[in-house]
Amino acid sequence: MTIALLSVPHITQIDCGTDEEIRCGAACVEMVLRHLGSGDLESNAQESIFGITHSPPPAFPDQLENYPSLMVEAIRRHLRTSNYQVFWNEALGSDGQGRATFGIEKRYDLRIAFHQQVEAISELIAKTIEQEQKAAIIVVRQANAHWVVVHGVTRNTDSAIRSFFIRNPLGKYRRSTTEIDRTAYCEVIDDLREDYVPYGYWKRGYFPFFLNNEEGITYPVEDPPWLNRFFLICAPTKTALQSANRTLRSIPAPRPSLRSSVSLPLTSLPLKQILRLTPAQAIGFAKDAISTHKLFEVPLWNEVIGPTWTLGQPYLVKQLDADNNHYYLVPVSNNVGKSPVLIRISAADGEFEEATIWAHYKDRMAGSVQGGEFIPYFAQRQALESGLKGKAVYHQGKSYKIKTLDMPSDGEFAWKPCIESFSSFKPFYYFLASMESGDKLPIYVPVDRPDLILTTLSEPKKKGL
């Protein structure tokens, strides 16, 4: 296995923990600029960057919070020799001012399967990191909901992509489970999260391909114009771009099939048919993932875990935006008892989907690193349950008072990409609450924000945050 990993700083978007959380694109631009050593960035650079990226260019629909062409413009204002460009798989319009440079879509062939396009842009990202030593910025998840930075890639011995490393501007945890101050939470600069995404899940989980009315299954797509499209900002060499375009001109592959061939309606499957793995089996698959993907060769793993480790009791999470989909988060502990790593394993088939490594600096100048500790964030259920009883909550404009709480049969935790969490490693405590009025409502509490009580998880107001 070969690793190309750039030392991109992990910067949280400054509106984290608010009702907006729309500055992820600006935060990603700031990460790229600080990595490339732009010396003219002020301390509040993200706000000024957002002032550039947020204004809709002419001829673009007002549906984005951070516009790709303007993100490139923000990079070029600080790095005038920058060769960053915008790529997408279908032009939605032009800003009319020449600020967006299109490569892939000029040769776009409507016959090419979506997954071939994702493979082409993935190689473009990988070669930009390897050859240019520059990170890429890409919008991911359903309907282009969130910008992230891709700053590393691993390859197998046959040169095939094995995984990517990403920086998620909404990926950090609060330093402690009792921390309430949002400003401190957002401005912690000596924390970082190394998210490791195997290539298979990268293609399926970060770029979901939706097939409406296929085999009787309808996916909830609120904004069809964004369906199955991507935006990428990177700085490839001419050779890498030519290679990507050769891939796009190749013979179309068969259309990707659905993961499940179950004949029953998906919503009717009982839990025991969905969860094929026991917690013990999930631990076994996590152990295999560490070995197969050689996670111990990742530099940050060595710093916070070391040569010996143990796997802890997994946490079962229900993924709310996919019918009957669950995953386990398996904690990994080092020899001093801290658990700075989580490994995501599919509860259906044991597939290794993601891993995250949490580190913070004891002494940044000396480069002394210690691991974070995930387990306390997942051990608050009893305290939360006691504290929630009798609490008033608001749902659709009405006030309710919680009488009793039950744990759903299909998982102690729940998650979907939403404004409150764009990281699968930051799920929610999941309760079914009976109110004094007799109504029943779901209750979601972020694992790192016990002060926040939710009855719904918010969809982005616009796409491409």
Protein backbone atom coordinates (compact mmCIF):
# COMPACT_ATOMS: atom_id res chain seq x y z
CA MET A 1 0.00 0.00 0.00
CA THR A 2 1.21 3.51 -0.81
CA ILE A 3 0.05 6.64 1.03
CA ALA A 4 0.04 10.24 -0.20
CA LEU A 5 -1.15 12.43 2.66
CA LEU A 6 -1.02 16.24 2.81
CA SER A 7 -0.75 18.16 6.09
CA VAL A 8 -3.90 20.20 5.53
CA PRO A 9 -5.10 21.91 8.74
CA HIS A 10 -8.53 20.90 10.02
CA ILE A 11 -10.64 24.06 10.23
CA THR A 12 -14.22 24.04 11.49
CA GLN A 13 -16.74 26.29 9.80
CA ILE A 14 -17.46 29.26 12.03
CA ASP A 15 -21.24 28.81 12.02
CA CYS A 16 -21.13 25.29 13.48
CA GLY A 17 -23.72 24.67 16.15
CA THR A 18 -26.04 27.39 14.82
CA ASP A 19 -29.26 27.18 12.83
CA GLU A 20 -27.37 28.11 9.64
CA GLU A 21 -24.24 26.00 9.19
CA ILE A 22 -23.81 27.19 5.60
CA ARG A 23 -20.11 28.11 5.52
CA CYS A 24 -18.61 24.69 4.80
CA GLY A 25 -17.45 25.79 1.34
CA ALA A 26 -15.68 28.82 2.76
CA ALA A 27 -14.08 26.67 5.48
CA CYS A 28 -12.77 24.25 2.82
CA VAL A 29 -11.28 27.14 0.83
CA GLU A 30 -9.58 28.38 4.00
CA MET A 31 -8.10 24.91 4.64
CA VAL A 32 -6.65 24.81 1.12
CA LEU A 33 -5.23 28.34 1.36
CA ARG A 34 -3.61 27.78 4.75
CA HIS A 35 -2.09 24.51 3.55
CA LEU A 36 -0.60 26.24 0.51
CA GLY A 37 0.86 28.97 2.71
CA SER A 38 -1.15 31.99 1.69
CA GLY A 39 0.42 34.60 3.93
CA ASP A 40 -2.20 37.33 3.54
CA LEU A 41 -5.05 35.53 5.33
CA GLU A 42 -6.44 37.48 8.25
CA SER A 43 -7.61 35.78 11.44
CA ASN A 44 -11.26 36.05 10.37
CA ALA A 45 -10.51 34.90 6.82
CA GLN A 46 -13.44 32.50 6.63
CA GLU A 47 -16.00 35.28 6.91
CA SER A 48 -14.39 37.31 4.13
CA ILE A 49 -14.08 34.18 1.97
CA PHE A 50 -17.77 33.46 2.50
CA GLY A 51 -18.52 37.00 1.34
CA ILE A 52 -17.05 35.95 -2.02
CA THR A 53 -18.40 32.39 -2.30
CA HIS A 54 -21.98 33.09 -1.19
CA SER A 55 -23.13 35.56 -3.89
CA PRO A 56 -24.97 33.84 -6.78
CA PRO A 57 -23.17 34.46 -10.09
CA PRO A 58 -25.28 35.56 -13.08
CA ALA A 59 -27.16 32.76 -14.87
CA PHE A 60 -26.88 30.38 -11.90
CA PRO A 61 -29.96 29.26 -10.00
CA ASP A 62 -30.07 30.64 -6.45
CA GLN A 63 -29.83 27.16 -4.94
CA LEU A 64 -26.32 27.06 -3.50
CA GLU A 65 -24.76 28.53 -0.39
CA ASN A 66 -21.18 28.37 -1.75
CA TYR A 67 -20.74 28.59 -5.53
CA PRO A 68 -17.93 26.51 -7.10
CA SER A 69 -16.72 29.19 -9.52
CA LEU A 70 -16.61 31.76 -6.71
CA MET A 71 -14.72 29.33 -4.45
CA VAL A 72 -12.08 29.17 -7.19
CA GLU A 73 -12.17 32.97 -7.39
CA ALA A 74 -11.53 33.17 -3.62
CA ILE A 75 -8.50 30.87 -3.99
CA ARG A 76 -7.12 32.90 -6.89
CA ARG A 77 -7.45 36.19 -5.03
CA HIS A 78 -4.93 34.90 -2.50
CA LEU A 79 -2.89 32.65 -4.82
CA ARG A 80 -2.72 34.39 -8.17
CA THR A 81 -0.77 31.56 -9.79
CA SER A 82 -3.34 28.98 -8.69
CA ASN A 83 -4.42 26.42 -11.28
CA TYR A 84 -7.54 25.35 -9.36
CA GLN A 85 -10.50 24.73 -11.65
CA VAL A 86 -14.14 23.67 -11.40
CA PHE A 87 -15.34 20.36 -12.83
CA TRP A 88 -18.81 18.90 -12.95
CA ASN A 89 -20.60 16.23 -14.91
CA GLU A 90 -23.30 18.42 -16.41
CA ALA A 91 -23.24 22.18 -16.87
CA LEU A 92 -26.11 23.99 -15.15
CA GLY A 93 -25.10 27.29 -16.64
CA SER A 94 -22.17 29.67 -16.84
CA ASP A 95 -21.38 32.56 -14.58
CA GLY A 96 -20.77 34.60 -17.72
CA GLN A 97 -17.54 36.04 -16.39
CA GLY A 98 -15.05 33.33 -17.25
CA ARG A 99 -14.37 32.47 -13.64
CA ALA A 100 -15.28 28.81 -13.98
CA THR A 101 -12.98 26.63 -16.05
CA PHE A 102 -14.65 23.44 -17.21
CA GLY A 103 -12.74 20.36 -18.28
CA ILE A 104 -14.65 17.14 -17.88
CA GLU A 105 -18.08 18.36 -18.84
CA LYS A 106 -16.89 19.60 -22.25
CA ARG A 107 -16.44 15.97 -23.24
CA TYR A 108 -19.41 14.73 -21.27
CA ASP A 109 -21.19 11.79 -22.88
CA LEU A 110 -24.74 11.23 -21.65
CA ARG A 111 -24.33 7.47 -22.16
CA ILE A 112 -21.60 7.17 -19.57
CA ALA A 113 -22.73 5.56 -16.36
CA PHE A 114 -22.63 7.68 -13.24
CA HIS A 115 -20.17 5.42 -11.45
CA GLN A 116 -17.68 5.79 -14.31
CA GLN A 117 -17.82 9.54 -13.85
CA VAL A 118 -17.13 9.15 -10.14
CA GLU A 119 -14.16 6.91 -10.94
CA ALA A 120 -12.83 9.54 -13.34
CA ILE A 121 -13.04 12.38 -10.84
CA SER A 122 -11.60 10.14 -8.12
CA GLU A 123 -8.48 9.54 -10.21
CA LEU A 124 -8.33 13.28 -10.88
CA ILE A 125 -8.41 13.97 -7.13
CA ALA A 126 -5.81 11.28 -6.40
CA LYS A 127 -3.36 12.50 -9.04
CA THR A 128 -3.77 16.11 -7.93
CA ILE A 129 -2.76 15.08 -4.41
CA GLU A 130 0.10 12.85 -5.59
CA GLN A 131 1.54 14.97 -8.40
CA GLU A 132 0.65 18.54 -7.45
CA GLN A 133 0.67 18.16 -3.64
CA LYS A 134 -2.64 20.03 -3.56
CA ALA A 135 -5.86 19.05 -1.82
CA ALA A 136 -9.21 18.91 -3.61
CA ILE A 137 -12.60 20.26 -2.54
CA ILE A 138 -15.73 18.32 -3.44
CA VAL A 139 -19.42 18.43 -2.58
CA VAL A 140 -20.81 15.13 -1.30
CA ARG A 141 -23.82 13.26 0.05
CA GLN A 142 -27.37 13.24 -1.26
CA ALA A 143 -28.24 16.21 -3.49
CA ASN A 144 -24.81 17.84 -2.99
CA ALA A 145 -25.38 18.83 0.60
CA HIS A 146 -21.89 19.42 2.00
CA TRP A 147 -18.38 20.49 0.93
CA VAL A 148 -15.34 18.56 2.24
CA VAL A 149 -11.59 18.62 1.57
CA VAL A 150 -9.85 15.51 0.22
CA HIS A 151 -6.22 15.62 1.36
CA GLY A 152 -4.91 12.08 1.04
CA VAL A 153 -5.13 8.86 -0.97
CA THR A 154 -3.90 5.29 -0.59
CA ARG A 155 -3.36 2.82 -3.41
CA ASN A 156 -3.04 -0.94 -3.63
CA THR A 157 0.05 -2.57 -5.11
CA ASP A 158 -1.72 -2.64 -8.51
CA SER A 159 -2.13 1.19 -8.30
CA ALA A 160 -5.90 0.98 -7.82
CA ILE A 161 -7.31 3.51 -5.35
CA ARG A 162 -7.84 1.93 -1.95
CA SER A 163 -9.13 4.90 0.08
CA PHE A 164 -9.30 8.66 0.54
CA PHE A 165 -8.64 10.87 3.56
CA ILE A 166 -11.00 13.78 4.10
CA ARG A 167 -11.31 16.86 6.30
CA ASN A 168 -14.93 17.54 7.24
CA PRO A 169 -15.53 21.17 8.36
CA LEU A 170 -18.37 19.88 10.56
CA GLY A 171 -16.53 16.76 11.73
CA LYS A 172 -15.02 17.81 15.05
CA TYR A 173 -16.36 16.90 18.47
CA ARG A 174 -16.54 19.24 21.40
CA ARG A 175 -13.59 18.74 23.73
CA SER A 176 -15.80 17.41 26.53
CA THR A 177 -19.34 16.12 26.90
CA THR A 178 -20.21 19.01 29.22
CA GLU A 179 -18.85 21.81 27.05
CA ILE A 180 -21.63 24.21 26.09
CA ASP A 181 -19.80 27.27 24.77
CA ARG A 182 -20.25 27.22 20.99
CA THR A 183 -17.42 29.67 20.31
CA ALA A 184 -14.86 27.49 22.06
CA TYR A 185 -16.23 24.45 20.23
CA CYS A 186 -15.87 26.05 16.82
CA GLU A 187 -12.49 27.67 17.35
CA VAL A 188 -10.50 24.74 18.71
CA ILE A 189 -7.63 24.71 16.22
CA ASP A 190 -5.40 22.14 17.88
CA ASP A 191 -7.86 19.30 17.24
CA LEU A 192 -8.04 17.35 14.03
CA ARG A 193 -9.96 14.40 12.65
CA GLU A 194 -8.45 12.10 10.04
CA ASP A 195 -11.40 10.47 8.25
CA TYR A 196 -10.40 7.38 6.25
CA VAL A 197 -12.93 6.36 3.57
CA PRO A 198 -12.48 3.06 1.67
CA TYR A 199 -12.97 3.52 -2.05
CA GLY A 200 -16.05 1.29 -2.27
CA TYR A 201 -17.96 3.31 0.31
CA TRP A 202 -16.57 6.57 -1.13
CA LYS A 203 -18.31 5.79 -4.42
CA ARG A 204 -21.53 4.51 -2.88
CA GLY A 205 -21.93 6.53 0.32
CA TYR A 206 -20.51 9.90 -0.70
CA PHE A 207 -21.96 9.83 -4.23
CA PRO A 208 -25.25 7.94 -3.90
CA PHE A 209 -26.78 7.03 -7.24
CA PHE A 210 -30.57 7.29 -7.08
CA LEU A 211 -32.87 5.17 -9.22
CA ASN A 212 -36.48 6.27 -8.90
CA ASN A 213 -39.23 3.68 -9.28
CA GLU A 214 -36.69 0.91 -9.79
CA GLU A 215 -38.09 -2.45 -8.65
CA GLY A 216 -40.90 -0.63 -6.88
CA ILE A 217 -38.54 1.46 -4.75
CA THR A 218 -38.85 5.24 -4.74
CA TYR A 219 -36.08 7.33 -3.23
CA PRO A 220 -37.03 10.64 -1.61
CA VAL A 221 -35.51 13.27 -3.87
CA GLU A 222 -36.67 16.77 -3.02
CA ASP A 223 -34.62 18.60 -5.62
CA PRO A 224 -34.42 16.54 -8.86
CA PRO A 225 -32.20 19.05 -10.75
CA TRP A 226 -29.30 18.09 -8.46
CA LEU A 227 -29.81 14.36 -8.83
CA ASN A 228 -26.67 12.36 -9.68
CA ARG A 229 -24.43 15.37 -10.26
CA PHE A 230 -21.15 16.37 -8.69
CA PHE A 231 -18.97 19.45 -8.34
CA LEU A 232 -15.21 19.21 -7.93
CA ILE A 233 -12.57 21.90 -7.35
CA CYS A 234 -9.01 20.75 -7.89
CA ALA A 235 -5.73 21.60 -9.61
CA PRO A 236 -4.82 18.65 -11.86
CA THR A 237 -1.91 18.36 -14.23
CA LYS A 238 -2.66 18.31 -17.94
CA THR A 239 -1.79 14.60 -18.04
CA ALA A 240 -4.20 13.79 -15.20
CA LEU A 241 -6.99 15.69 -16.92
CA GLN A 242 -6.36 13.86 -20.19
CA SER A 243 -6.50 10.55 -18.32
CA ALA A 244 -9.83 11.48 -16.72
CA ASN A 245 -11.29 12.39 -20.08
CA ARG A 246 -10.13 9.09 -21.58
CA THR A 247 -12.10 7.34 -18.83
CA LEU A 248 -15.16 9.41 -19.65
CA ARG A 249 -14.91 8.54 -23.33
CA SER A 250 -14.69 4.82 -22.62
CA ILE A 251 -17.47 2.32 -23.31
CA PRO A 252 -20.32 2.76 -20.81
CA ALA A 253 -20.49 0.14 -18.09
CA PRO A 254 -23.76 -1.53 -17.11
CA ARG A 255 -25.96 0.58 -14.90
CA PRO A 256 -25.16 0.02 -11.21
CA SER A 257 -27.59 -2.41 -9.62
CA LEU A 258 -29.30 -1.92 -6.30
CA ARG A 259 -27.49 -3.40 -3.31
CA SER A 260 -30.50 -5.48 -2.29
CA SER A 261 -32.59 -7.85 -4.38
CA VAL A 262 -35.15 -8.39 -1.60
CA SER A 263 -38.60 -8.94 -3.07
CA LEU A 264 -40.49 -7.64 -0.03
CA PRO A 265 -41.03 -3.87 0.30
CA LEU A 266 -37.98 -2.63 2.19
CA THR A 267 -40.03 -0.89 4.87
CA SER A 268 -41.68 -4.17 5.87
CA LEU A 269 -38.54 -6.12 6.72
CA PRO A 270 -38.36 -7.00 10.42
CA LEU A 271 -35.22 -5.96 12.28
CA LYS A 272 -33.84 -9.49 12.65
CA GLN A 273 -33.79 -9.83 8.85
CA ILE A 274 -31.95 -6.53 8.46
CA LEU A 275 -29.27 -6.87 11.13
CA ARG A 276 -27.24 -9.81 9.98
CA LEU A 277 -24.31 -9.12 12.29
CA THR A 278 -24.03 -9.46 16.02
CA PRO A 279 -21.82 -6.96 17.90
CA ALA A 280 -19.18 -9.69 18.21
CA GLN A 281 -19.20 -10.21 14.45
CA ALA A 282 -18.90 -6.45 13.91
CA ILE A 283 -15.77 -6.48 16.09
CA GLY A 284 -14.37 -9.28 13.93
CA PHE A 285 -14.98 -7.31 10.74
CA ALA A 286 -13.38 -4.22 12.29
CA LYS A 287 -10.32 -6.29 13.17
CA ASP A 288 -10.15 -7.52 9.57
CA ALA A 289 -10.47 -3.92 8.31
CA ILE A 290 -7.49 -2.79 10.39
CA SER A 291 -5.40 -5.61 8.95
CA THR A 292 -6.62 -5.51 5.35
CA HIS A 293 -6.41 -1.73 5.01
CA LYS A 294 -3.22 -1.52 7.11
CA LEU A 295 -4.65 1.31 9.17
CA PHE A 296 -1.65 0.96 11.48
CA GLU A 297 0.44 2.45 8.64
CA VAL A 298 -1.54 5.70 8.72
CA PRO A 299 0.79 8.21 10.45
CA LEU A 300 -1.84 9.59 12.83
CA TRP A 301 -2.85 6.06 13.90
CA ASN A 302 0.74 5.46 15.00
CA GLU A 303 0.73 8.67 17.01
CA VAL A 304 -2.52 8.12 18.93
CA ILE A 305 -2.85 4.29 18.97
CA GLY A 306 0.63 2.82 18.63
CA PRO A 307 1.59 -0.81 18.01
CA THR A 308 -1.05 -2.43 20.26
CA TRP A 309 -4.78 -1.87 20.45
CA THR A 310 -8.06 -3.40 21.58
CA LEU A 311 -11.55 -3.22 20.10
CA GLY A 312 -14.45 -2.18 22.32
CA GLN A 313 -18.19 -2.80 22.39
CA PRO A 314 -19.81 -1.52 19.16
CA TYR A 315 -22.58 1.10 19.02
CA LEU A 316 -25.52 0.35 16.73
CA VAL A 317 -26.69 3.32 14.62
CA LYS A 318 -29.82 3.48 12.48
CA GLN A 319 -29.29 5.47 9.27
CA LEU A 320 -32.52 7.40 8.83
CA ASP A 321 -32.16 8.38 5.18
CA ALA A 322 -31.93 4.79 3.93
CA ASP A 323 -34.63 2.19 4.52
CA ASN A 324 -33.59 -0.42 7.07
CA ASN A 325 -29.93 0.51 6.96
CA HIS A 326 -27.84 0.22 10.12
CA TYR A 327 -24.17 0.39 10.92
CA TYR A 328 -21.91 -0.25 13.89
CA LEU A 329 -19.30 2.16 15.25
CA VAL A 330 -16.52 0.07 16.78
CA PRO A 331 -14.17 1.97 19.15
CA VAL A 332 -10.43 1.22 19.10
CA SER A 333 -8.45 1.79 22.31
CA ASN A 334 -4.72 2.31 22.80
CA ASN A 335 -2.55 0.85 25.57
CA VAL A 336 -3.47 3.63 28.03
CA GLY A 337 -7.20 3.00 27.71
CA LYS A 338 -8.18 5.91 25.46
CA SER A 339 -10.31 5.31 22.38
CA PRO A 340 -9.34 7.86 19.70
CA VAL A 341 -10.53 5.75 16.73
CA LEU A 342 -13.97 4.69 15.50
CA ILE A 343 -14.49 2.17 12.69
CA ARG A 344 -17.80 2.08 10.81
CA ILE A 345 -18.97 -1.41 9.84
CA SER A 346 -22.16 -2.19 7.89
CA ALA A 347 -24.59 -4.12 10.10
CA ALA A 348 -25.91 -5.91 7.01
CA ASP A 349 -22.80 -7.49 5.55
CA GLY A 350 -19.76 -6.39 7.57
CA GLU A 351 -18.40 -4.03 4.92
CA PHE A 352 -15.79 -1.60 6.22
CA GLU A 353 -17.30 1.78 5.37
CA GLU A 354 -15.27 4.46 7.18
CA ALA A 355 -12.86 5.12 10.02
CA THR A 356 -11.94 8.27 11.91
CA ILE A 357 -8.90 9.13 14.03
CA TRP A 358 -9.15 11.94 16.59
CA ALA A 359 -6.02 13.75 17.74
CA HIS A 360 -5.17 16.95 19.51
CA TYR A 361 -1.88 18.56 20.36
CA LYS A 362 -0.48 18.71 23.87
CA ASP A 363 2.21 21.03 22.57
CA ARG A 364 1.69 22.25 19.01
CA MET A 365 5.15 23.81 18.71
CA ALA A 366 6.79 20.55 19.72
CA GLY A 367 4.39 18.50 17.62
CA SER A 368 3.40 16.40 20.62
CA VAL A 369 0.14 14.61 19.85
CA GLN A 370 -2.34 12.76 22.02
CA GLY A 371 -5.53 10.99 21.12
CA GLY A 372 -9.06 12.12 21.76
CA GLU A 373 -11.56 9.95 23.62
CA PHE A 374 -14.80 8.90 21.91
CA ILE A 375 -16.32 6.52 24.47
CA PRO A 376 -17.62 9.13 26.99
CA TYR A 377 -19.75 10.67 24.24
CA PHE A 378 -21.54 7.34 23.75
CA ALA A 379 -22.04 6.61 27.47
CA GLN A 380 -24.51 9.35 28.40
CA ARG A 381 -27.83 7.64 27.76
CA GLN A 382 -28.82 7.05 31.38
CA ALA A 383 -27.95 10.61 32.42
CA LEU A 384 -29.77 12.02 29.40
CA GLU A 385 -32.85 9.94 30.13
CA SER A 386 -33.05 11.28 33.69
CA GLY A 387 -32.51 14.85 32.54
CA LEU A 388 -35.02 14.74 29.70
CA LYS A 389 -38.04 13.60 31.72
CA GLY A 390 -40.29 16.57 32.40
CA LYS A 391 -38.49 18.74 29.85
CA ALA A 392 -40.48 20.92 27.46
CA VAL A 393 -39.80 20.43 23.75
CA TYR A 394 -41.18 22.23 20.72
CA HIS A 395 -42.44 20.47 17.62
CA GLN A 396 -44.12 22.17 14.66
CA GLY A 397 -44.90 25.25 16.70
CA LYS A 398 -46.39 23.43 19.68
CA SER A 399 -44.96 22.86 23.16
CA TYR A 400 -44.89 19.36 24.67
CA LYS A 401 -43.65 18.02 27.99
CA ILE A 402 -41.81 14.68 28.06
CA LYS A 403 -43.41 12.09 30.33
CA THR A 404 -41.53 8.85 29.59
CA LEU A 405 -38.76 7.73 27.25
CA ASP A 406 -38.17 4.42 25.51
CA MET A 407 -35.24 3.20 23.47
CA PRO A 408 -36.34 2.16 19.96
CA SER A 409 -35.89 -1.52 19.18
CA ASP A 410 -33.78 -0.76 16.11
CA GLY A 411 -30.89 1.14 17.65
CA GLU A 412 -29.72 3.29 20.53
CA PHE A 413 -28.38 5.88 18.08
CA ALA A 414 -29.60 7.33 14.79
CA TRP A 415 -28.08 9.47 12.04
CA LYS A 416 -28.55 10.91 8.59
CA PRO A 417 -26.74 13.73 6.76
CA CYS A 418 -28.44 16.86 8.10
CA ILE A 419 -27.65 20.39 9.22
CA GLU A 420 -27.09 19.12 12.76
CA SER A 421 -24.52 16.50 11.66
CA PHE A 422 -22.76 15.82 8.38
CA SER A 423 -20.52 13.12 9.88
CA SER A 424 -21.66 9.53 10.41
CA PHE A 425 -19.31 9.47 13.41
CA LYS A 426 -21.47 12.12 15.12
CA PRO A 427 -24.84 10.36 15.48
CA PHE A 428 -27.69 11.20 17.83
CA TYR A 429 -29.05 9.51 20.92
CA TYR A 430 -32.39 8.20 19.77
CA PHE A 431 -35.49 8.05 22.00
CA LEU A 432 -39.20 7.50 21.52
CA ALA A 433 -40.90 9.94 23.90
CA SER A 434 -44.42 9.77 25.31
CA MET A 435 -45.66 13.27 26.07
CA GLU A 436 -47.98 14.29 28.88
CA SER A 437 -50.51 15.16 26.15
CA GLY A 438 -50.52 11.53 25.00
CA ASP A 439 -48.60 12.28 21.79
CA LYS A 440 -45.50 10.31 20.84
CA LEU A 441 -42.46 11.96 19.26
CA PRO A 442 -38.92 10.90 18.39
CA ILE A 443 -36.18 12.68 20.33
CA TYR A 444 -32.65 13.17 18.98
CA VAL A 445 -29.74 14.44 21.09
CA PRO A 446 -26.30 14.91 19.43
CA VAL A 447 -23.64 12.80 21.13
CA ASP A 448 -21.43 15.86 21.59
CA ARG A 449 -24.22 18.37 22.38
CA PRO A 450 -26.30 17.09 25.31
CA ASP A 451 -27.85 20.55 25.65
CA LEU A 452 -29.59 20.28 22.25
CA ILE A 453 -32.94 18.41 22.15
CA LEU A 454 -34.42 17.84 18.68
CA THR A 455 -37.68 16.32 17.45
CA THR A 456 -36.66 16.50 13.78
CA LEU A 457 -33.37 16.60 11.87
CA SER A 458 -33.13 19.53 9.47
CA GLU A 459 -32.75 19.20 5.73
CA PRO A 460 -30.46 21.81 4.15
CA LYS A 461 -32.45 24.85 3.01
CA LYS A 462 -30.32 24.99 -0.13
CA LYS A 463 -28.10 22.44 -1.81
CA GLY A 464 -24.35 22.53 -2.08
CA LEU A 465 -23.75 24.02 1.34
